[in-house]
Amino acid sequence: MRLASDALVKVYERRKVAKPDSSAIQPFRRSKFTLLKRPAKLTETQEQDLKQWLREDEDIAAAYKAKEAFYAIFDLPRDQAIQAFDHFRETVHRAVRKDFRQLLAKMKVWRSEMLAILDHPQTNAYTESINGAIQTIVRNGNGYKFDVVRARILAKHALDPRKEVKLSQLLLPEGNFCGYCHEQFSASEMSEVSMPPMVAGQPAIQTMVCRTCRSEFDSDVLKAKRSRRPTRNAE
């Protein structure tokens, strides 16, 4: 997705430089982010400005059409999406094909990887967003000690403790590691337990364990083990 937007920005910058007088460059003073937004998210004013802009500049219009055509591929049913993906190069106008060269090359080399999202519609966008936010905090906190930076990150981006995290939703049909014995088990053999913290004062840790290890966390079993512990004689 980013490569399609980058190609559109290249055309935007090239056409902006090509305009010699102030009257011709006036449309380029509008925010380029109007071009990058999806049509459904445009305001009424932005939609009117965009239509006028596309009528005035053929290269911008061709690049915008190509960008939207690429985005639309992944909104189609699987078979139609694959067909549209393979014929995308033909939809890119010759005048802007050079600007889309990097995207077209990636589509050829990484075809199967890019189409995998049709079968597994999950991305790492949330992770990359959090990484970017963390990098901003680290950059702004240049010179701070690690503990201070860590506290600032957790204070702003840690999970809300009031929201329960359902670890069972993360289980795979097979090959799940028990959080206690570290052996692999199927999802049906796993259950969620609360493990004591490694450091005093920290909250308990939620994890998934197998059926065998589950008994280690039953309150009756724990009480029985504690009752069998030898007591220390008072000196």
Foldseek 3Di string as FASTA:
>chain_A
DVLLVQLLVVLLVVVLVVDDDPVLNVLSVPDCVLLVDDPVPDDPVSVVSVVVVCVSDVSSVLSSVLSVLLVCLLVDQLVSSLVSLVCSLVSRDPVSSVSSVVVVVCCVVCVVVVSVCNVVVDDCVVVVVLVVVLVVLCVVPPPDDPVVSVVVSCVVDNDDPVDDDDCLVVFDQWFDAAPPPRDIGGSVQKDWDWACDPDPPDGTDITIHGNVCVVVRDPVVVVVVVVPDDDDDDD
